[in-house]
């Protein structure tokens, strides 16, 4: 069982995972959803998603649909489609590449401009400082504390997909925040149509195999990423 008492009915939460390319979004999602890590990933084309089912202490099953959004600028024009019906967002940056932290505000503005809760308020956003196994998080601590406070993020965690550090804790914290919001407006939040998720994932987003076939001659598709 995960977290604190919350919903008694099964729920589906769509969570978008965003940030610059090669910061480790796919690695984090696969580690969390499958318990799997490899240092070799190919560039995400458009978007992909994975699911994770949590059993909350209230007895409810919470299905998280984690949308892995491409971080490369060439795919940025599609984000409004992939963000639709998201109930929360995770922004990831690479602690070993300071420029990826500089981009966090861009991703935050993108979320705030393209998706909101049914009551018109911003979706909760959590920041992950990834590749903590390769960097000293103390260098970022005060900076990230101040950033989250200034820009209204719910919090941040230093994570490592390679070492499986803080990922479960971070996601439980995020889900707990979403549950608190759902208590404020439960009827609205549970109405996000599953059919729309199926439509987007089944039609608008090609499978990995389809993307590999369609992009066989695309040099960007062959670009391997090493993500901790």
Protein backbone atom coordinates (compact mmCIF):
# COMPACT_ATOMS: atom_id res chain seq x y z
CA UNK A 1 0.00 0.00 0.00
CA UNK A 2 1.17 3.50 -0.81
CA UNK A 3 0.78 6.88 0.82
CA UNK A 4 -1.96 8.18 3.05
CA UNK A 5 -5.70 7.66 3.13
CA UNK A 6 -7.37 9.04 0.07
CA UNK A 7 -9.90 8.01 -2.57
CA UNK A 8 -12.06 4.94 -2.13
CA UNK A 9 -12.88 4.55 -5.84
CA UNK A 10 -10.36 3.48 -8.47
CA UNK A 11 -8.91 6.42 -10.37
CA UNK A 12 -6.76 7.20 -13.38
CA UNK A 13 -4.28 10.08 -13.23
CA UNK A 14 -2.52 11.29 -16.34
CA UNK A 15 0.91 12.74 -15.51
CA UNK A 16 3.17 14.33 -18.11
CA UNK A 17 6.95 14.01 -17.76
CA UNK A 18 8.81 16.80 -19.54
CA UNK A 19 12.21 18.44 -19.80
CA UNK A 20 15.07 18.82 -22.27
CA UNK A 21 16.27 15.85 -24.31
CA UNK A 22 18.63 13.34 -22.68
CA UNK A 23 17.89 14.44 -19.09
CA UNK A 24 16.70 10.91 -18.27
CA UNK A 25 12.90 11.10 -18.57
CA UNK A 26 12.56 7.71 -20.23
CA UNK A 27 15.02 6.15 -17.79
CA UNK A 28 13.06 7.45 -14.81
CA UNK A 29 9.73 6.27 -16.20
CA UNK A 30 11.00 2.80 -17.02
CA UNK A 31 12.71 2.45 -13.65
CA UNK A 32 9.51 3.48 -11.87
CA UNK A 33 7.03 1.51 -13.97
CA UNK A 34 9.10 -1.57 -14.82
CA UNK A 35 11.95 -1.63 -12.31
CA UNK A 36 14.33 -1.58 -15.25
CA UNK A 37 17.37 0.51 -16.15
CA UNK A 38 19.67 0.59 -19.15
CA UNK A 39 22.17 3.33 -20.02
CA UNK A 40 21.13 3.16 -23.68
CA UNK A 41 17.96 4.81 -24.91
CA UNK A 42 17.01 6.23 -28.26
CA UNK A 43 15.56 9.69 -28.70
CA UNK A 44 11.84 9.77 -27.88
CA UNK A 45 9.82 10.66 -30.96
CA UNK A 46 6.74 12.72 -30.07
CA UNK A 47 5.54 10.93 -26.96
CA UNK A 48 5.27 7.55 -25.34
CA UNK A 49 3.62 6.40 -22.15
CA UNK A 50 3.77 3.78 -19.44
CA UNK A 51 1.39 2.83 -16.64
CA UNK A 52 1.88 2.16 -12.96
CA UNK A 53 -0.82 0.89 -10.60
CA UNK A 54 -0.69 1.91 -6.95
CA UNK A 55 -2.81 0.44 -4.17
CA UNK A 56 -3.61 3.28 -1.80
CA UNK A 57 -4.29 2.73 1.90
CA UNK A 58 -7.91 3.70 1.34
CA UNK A 59 -8.30 0.55 -0.75
CA UNK A 60 -8.46 2.35 -4.07
CA UNK A 61 -6.33 1.42 -7.04
CA UNK A 62 -4.74 4.44 -8.66
CA UNK A 63 -3.51 3.98 -12.20
CA UNK A 64 -0.85 6.46 -13.23
CA UNK A 65 -0.49 7.06 -16.93
CA UNK A 66 2.98 8.54 -17.33
CA UNK A 67 3.45 10.41 -20.59
CA UNK A 68 7.05 10.62 -21.74
CA UNK A 69 7.13 13.79 -23.85
CA UNK A 70 9.98 14.32 -26.30
CA UNK A 71 12.35 17.03 -25.14
CA UNK A 72 13.80 17.92 -28.52
CA UNK A 73 12.60 21.22 -29.96
CA UNK A 74 11.63 19.65 -33.28
CA UNK A 75 8.69 17.94 -31.52
CA UNK A 76 7.59 20.91 -29.40
CA UNK A 77 4.67 21.87 -31.63
CA UNK A 78 2.76 18.74 -30.52
CA UNK A 79 2.91 19.26 -26.77
CA UNK A 80 -0.58 20.75 -26.53
CA UNK A 81 -1.98 17.43 -27.78
CA UNK A 82 0.00 15.33 -25.34
CA UNK A 83 -0.71 17.59 -22.35
CA UNK A 84 -4.48 17.30 -22.69
CA UNK A 85 -6.25 16.03 -19.55
CA UNK A 86 -3.02 15.91 -17.52
CA UNK A 87 -3.65 16.21 -13.79
CA UNK A 88 0.00 16.86 -12.88
CA UNK A 89 3.42 17.42 -14.43
CA UNK A 90 6.97 16.36 -13.66
CA UNK A 91 9.80 18.51 -15.02
CA UNK A 92 13.18 16.77 -15.20
CA UNK A 93 16.60 18.32 -15.56
CA UNK A 94 20.10 16.83 -15.61
CA UNK A 95 22.24 17.88 -12.65
CA UNK A 96 25.38 17.39 -14.74
CA UNK A 97 24.17 19.81 -17.44
CA UNK A 98 23.28 23.20 -15.90
CA UNK A 99 21.74 24.41 -19.17
CA UNK A 100 18.92 21.90 -18.70
CA UNK A 101 17.98 23.62 -15.43
CA UNK A 102 17.90 26.94 -17.28
CA UNK A 103 15.21 25.38 -19.50
CA UNK A 104 12.97 24.42 -16.57
CA UNK A 105 11.19 27.79 -16.61
CA UNK A 106 10.43 27.31 -20.31
CA UNK A 107 8.83 23.93 -19.61
CA UNK A 108 6.93 25.31 -16.64
CA UNK A 109 5.50 28.13 -18.74
CA UNK A 110 4.58 25.61 -21.43
CA UNK A 111 2.59 23.57 -18.92
CA UNK A 112 0.88 26.60 -17.40
CA UNK A 113 -0.10 27.89 -20.84
CA UNK A 114 -1.45 24.61 -22.20
CA UNK A 115 -3.15 22.70 -19.39
CA UNK A 116 -4.99 23.52 -16.19
CA UNK A 117 -7.25 21.89 -13.65
CA UNK A 118 -11.02 21.93 -14.21
CA UNK A 119 -11.30 24.76 -11.68
CA UNK A 120 -8.90 26.88 -13.75
CA UNK A 121 -5.95 26.56 -11.39
CA UNK A 122 -2.50 25.33 -12.48
CA UNK A 123 -1.78 21.62 -12.35
CA UNK A 124 0.68 20.62 -9.62
CA UNK A 125 4.24 20.54 -10.94
CA UNK A 126 7.14 18.67 -9.35
CA UNK A 127 10.80 19.13 -10.25
CA UNK A 128 13.26 16.22 -10.46
CA UNK A 129 17.00 16.92 -10.35
CA UNK A 130 18.12 13.76 -12.13
CA UNK A 131 21.48 11.96 -12.32
CA UNK A 132 22.13 12.62 -8.65
CA UNK A 133 24.59 9.71 -8.71
CA UNK A 134 26.86 11.88 -10.86
CA UNK A 135 26.54 15.21 -9.07
CA UNK A 136 26.48 16.82 -5.63
CA UNK A 137 22.88 17.79 -4.87
CA UNK A 138 24.00 20.21 -2.15
CA UNK A 139 25.16 22.54 -4.92
CA UNK A 140 21.54 22.86 -6.09
CA UNK A 141 19.63 22.65 -2.81
CA UNK A 142 19.15 26.33 -1.98
CA UNK A 143 18.70 27.22 -5.63
CA UNK A 144 15.94 24.65 -6.09
CA UNK A 145 14.25 25.50 -2.80
CA UNK A 146 14.08 29.13 -3.90
CA UNK A 147 12.97 28.27 -7.44
CA UNK A 148 10.09 26.08 -6.28
CA UNK A 149 8.91 28.69 -3.81
CA UNK A 150 9.11 31.52 -6.34
CA UNK A 151 7.36 29.69 -9.17
CA UNK A 152 4.78 27.67 -7.24
CA UNK A 153 6.14 24.16 -7.75
CA UNK A 154 5.04 21.65 -5.12
CA UNK A 155 8.60 20.47 -4.45
CA UNK A 156 11.72 18.86 -5.85
CA UNK A 157 13.69 15.64 -5.44
CA UNK A 158 17.22 14.63 -6.40
CA UNK A 159 16.81 11.35 -8.32
CA UNK A 160 18.84 8.69 -10.07
CA UNK A 161 17.31 6.16 -12.42
CA UNK A 162 20.58 4.24 -12.36
CA UNK A 163 20.58 3.83 -8.58
CA UNK A 164 16.78 3.94 -8.19
CA UNK A 165 17.15 6.87 -5.80
CA UNK A 166 14.13 8.85 -4.59
CA UNK A 167 11.88 7.91 -7.53
CA UNK A 168 9.18 6.11 -5.54
CA UNK A 169 9.30 8.78 -2.85
CA UNK A 170 8.92 11.55 -5.40
CA UNK A 171 6.00 9.92 -7.17
CA UNK A 172 4.19 9.12 -3.92
CA UNK A 173 4.58 12.76 -2.95
CA UNK A 174 3.14 13.87 -6.30
CA UNK A 175 0.22 11.45 -6.13
CA UNK A 176 -0.52 12.59 -2.59
CA UNK A 177 -0.69 16.16 -3.85
CA UNK A 178 -3.07 15.15 -6.63
CA UNK A 179 -5.28 13.33 -4.13
CA UNK A 180 -5.49 16.45 -1.99
CA UNK A 181 -6.62 18.37 -5.06
CA UNK A 182 -9.17 15.67 -5.91
CA UNK A 183 -10.70 16.13 -2.45
CA UNK A 184 -11.25 19.77 -3.35
CA UNK A 185 -13.04 18.98 -6.62
CA UNK A 186 -13.48 15.19 -6.87
CA UNK A 187 -16.36 15.15 -9.33
CA UNK A 188 -14.47 17.24 -11.86
CA UNK A 189 -11.14 15.51 -11.58
CA UNK A 190 -12.40 11.99 -12.10
CA UNK A 191 -14.29 12.94 -15.27
CA UNK A 192 -11.20 13.05 -17.50
CA UNK A 193 -12.35 10.60 -20.19
CA UNK A 194 -10.35 7.39 -20.42
CA UNK A 195 -11.60 7.12 -24.00
CA UNK A 196 -9.57 10.21 -24.87
CA UNK A 197 -6.44 8.62 -23.42
CA UNK A 198 -7.07 5.50 -25.47
CA UNK A 199 -7.71 7.55 -28.60
CA UNK A 200 -4.52 9.55 -28.19
CA UNK A 201 -2.38 6.58 -27.32
CA UNK A 202 -3.93 4.30 -29.92
CA UNK A 203 -4.16 6.62 -32.90
CA UNK A 204 -2.28 9.87 -32.47
CA UNK A 205 0.84 8.24 -31.01
CA UNK A 206 2.44 5.51 -33.14
CA UNK A 207 3.89 2.45 -31.46
CA UNK A 208 7.62 2.07 -30.94
CA UNK A 209 7.68 -0.35 -33.88
CA UNK A 210 5.85 2.11 -36.14
CA UNK A 211 8.17 4.93 -35.16
CA UNK A 212 11.20 2.76 -35.87
CA UNK A 213 9.85 1.90 -39.32
CA UNK A 214 8.85 5.47 -40.15
CA UNK A 215 12.15 6.91 -39.00
CA UNK A 216 14.58 4.23 -40.16
CA UNK A 217 16.48 6.76 -42.25
CA UNK A 218 16.30 9.58 -39.72
CA UNK A 219 19.73 10.18 -38.13
CA UNK A 220 18.08 11.68 -35.04
CA UNK A 221 16.32 8.37 -34.47
CA UNK A 222 19.66 6.61 -34.33
CA UNK A 223 20.96 8.91 -31.61
CA UNK A 224 21.60 6.89 -28.46
CA UNK A 225 21.15 8.58 -25.10
CA UNK A 226 22.89 7.74 -21.85
CA UNK A 227 20.51 8.67 -19.09
CA UNK A 228 20.98 8.08 -15.39
